[in-house]
Protein backbone atom coordinates (compact mmCIF):
# COMPACT_ATOMS: atom_id res chain seq x y z
CA MET A 1 -16.60 42.39 99.50
CA GLN A 2 -12.88 42.38 98.54
CA ARG A 3 -13.00 42.79 94.87
CA VAL A 4 -15.22 46.07 95.38
CA ARG A 5 -12.24 46.88 97.70
CA ASP A 6 -9.56 46.03 95.02
CA ARG A 7 -11.77 47.55 91.95
CA THR A 8 -12.08 50.85 94.64
CA GLU A 9 -8.18 50.79 95.39
CA TYR A 10 -7.52 50.14 91.35
CA ARG A 11 -9.82 53.18 90.59
CA ARG A 12 -7.87 55.75 93.37
CA GLN A 13 -4.48 55.17 92.26
CA GLN A 14 -5.64 54.99 88.49
CA VAL A 15 -7.25 58.03 89.46
CA ARG A 16 -3.89 59.90 91.31
CA ARG A 17 -1.42 58.91 88.14
CA TRP A 18 -3.36 60.54 85.66
CA ARG A 19 -3.55 63.38 88.14
CA GLU A 20 0.18 63.08 88.86
CA ALA A 21 0.45 63.04 84.84
CA ILE A 22 -1.54 65.94 83.97
CA HIS A 23 0.54 67.93 86.46
CA SER A 24 3.76 67.27 85.58
CA PHE A 25 2.90 67.61 81.26
CA ASP A 26 3.82 70.91 79.77
CA PHE A 27 0.24 71.33 77.90
CA ALA A 28 2.49 74.74 75.73
CA ALA A 29 4.94 72.39 74.49
CA GLY A 30 3.57 69.17 74.19
CA ASN A 31 0.82 67.49 72.70
CA PHE A 32 -1.00 65.42 75.52
CA ALA A 33 -3.40 63.43 72.24
CA ASP A 34 0.12 61.58 72.56
CA THR A 35 1.05 60.36 75.55
CA VAL A 36 -0.39 57.13 76.78
CA VAL A 37 -2.28 58.57 79.08
CA TYR A 38 -4.52 60.61 76.47
CA ALA A 39 -5.47 56.49 74.91
CA GLU A 40 -6.84 55.89 79.24
CA LEU A 41 -8.79 58.63 79.24
CA ARG A 42 -10.25 59.06 76.47
CA PRO A 43 -13.31 57.29 76.42
CA TYR A 44 -13.98 59.48 79.24
CA LEU A 45 -13.39 62.64 77.55
CA ASP A 46 -16.11 64.51 75.06
CA GLU A 47 -16.26 64.21 71.42
CA GLU A 48 -16.27 67.12 70.72
CA PHE A 49 -13.38 68.08 72.36
CA ARG A 50 -11.36 64.58 71.11
CA ARG A 51 -11.88 65.26 67.38
CA GLY A 52 -10.94 68.48 68.44
CA LEU A 53 -7.25 67.69 70.10
CA GLU A 54 -6.95 64.85 67.82
CA SER A 55 -6.82 66.94 64.32
CA GLY A 56 -4.82 69.23 65.98
CA THR A 57 -7.59 71.69 65.29
CA GLY A 58 -9.77 72.45 68.51
CA PHE A 59 -9.82 75.73 70.22
CA VAL A 60 -11.14 75.72 73.49
CA ALA A 61 -10.79 79.14 75.12
CA PRO A 62 -10.07 79.38 78.59
CA ALA A 63 -12.30 80.02 81.28
CA ARG A 64 -11.54 82.86 83.52
CA GLY A 65 -9.60 82.14 86.83
CA ARG A 66 -8.74 78.42 86.21
CA GLY A 67 -5.44 78.73 84.85
CA SER A 68 -3.72 79.44 81.22
CA SER A 69 -4.40 75.55 79.80
CA ALA A 70 -7.90 75.20 78.87
CA THR A 71 -6.43 71.57 77.50
CA LYS A 72 -5.34 70.95 81.26
CA HIS A 73 -8.45 71.81 82.49
CA THR A 74 -10.67 70.30 80.53
CA VAL A 75 -9.01 67.17 81.22
CA LEU A 76 -9.22 67.47 84.62
CA ASP A 77 -13.14 67.86 84.71
CA ALA A 78 -12.67 64.44 82.93
CA ILE A 79 -11.29 63.00 86.01
CA THR A 80 -13.13 64.49 88.58
CA GLU A 81 -16.85 63.19 86.69
CA ARG A 82 -15.62 60.05 86.55
CA GLU A 83 -14.25 60.04 90.47
CA ARG A 84 -18.18 60.81 90.65
CA GLU A 85 -18.84 58.12 89.25
CA TRP A 86 -16.76 55.81 90.55
CA HIS A 87 -18.15 57.07 94.28
CA LEU A 88 -14.74 57.89 94.63
CA ILE A 89 -15.20 61.36 96.37
């Protein structure tokens, strides 16, 4: 039972760290694909999105009402999916 609690706490901390890093990253000026956080999140991102981000040719249209950085929101959506999958929310 302790192992399950430890794993759950580790995952909560990981999600918290990911979100903090994403919120502080300047998506307009930097290349998110060059970050450690991206490397950690990469397996959880949509393959087509990953290819576009890594090649620099991808285009993600911003959704209305979600802010100016569609990349940021796509990554945040992937984190939310992990939280659901891991039963953290």
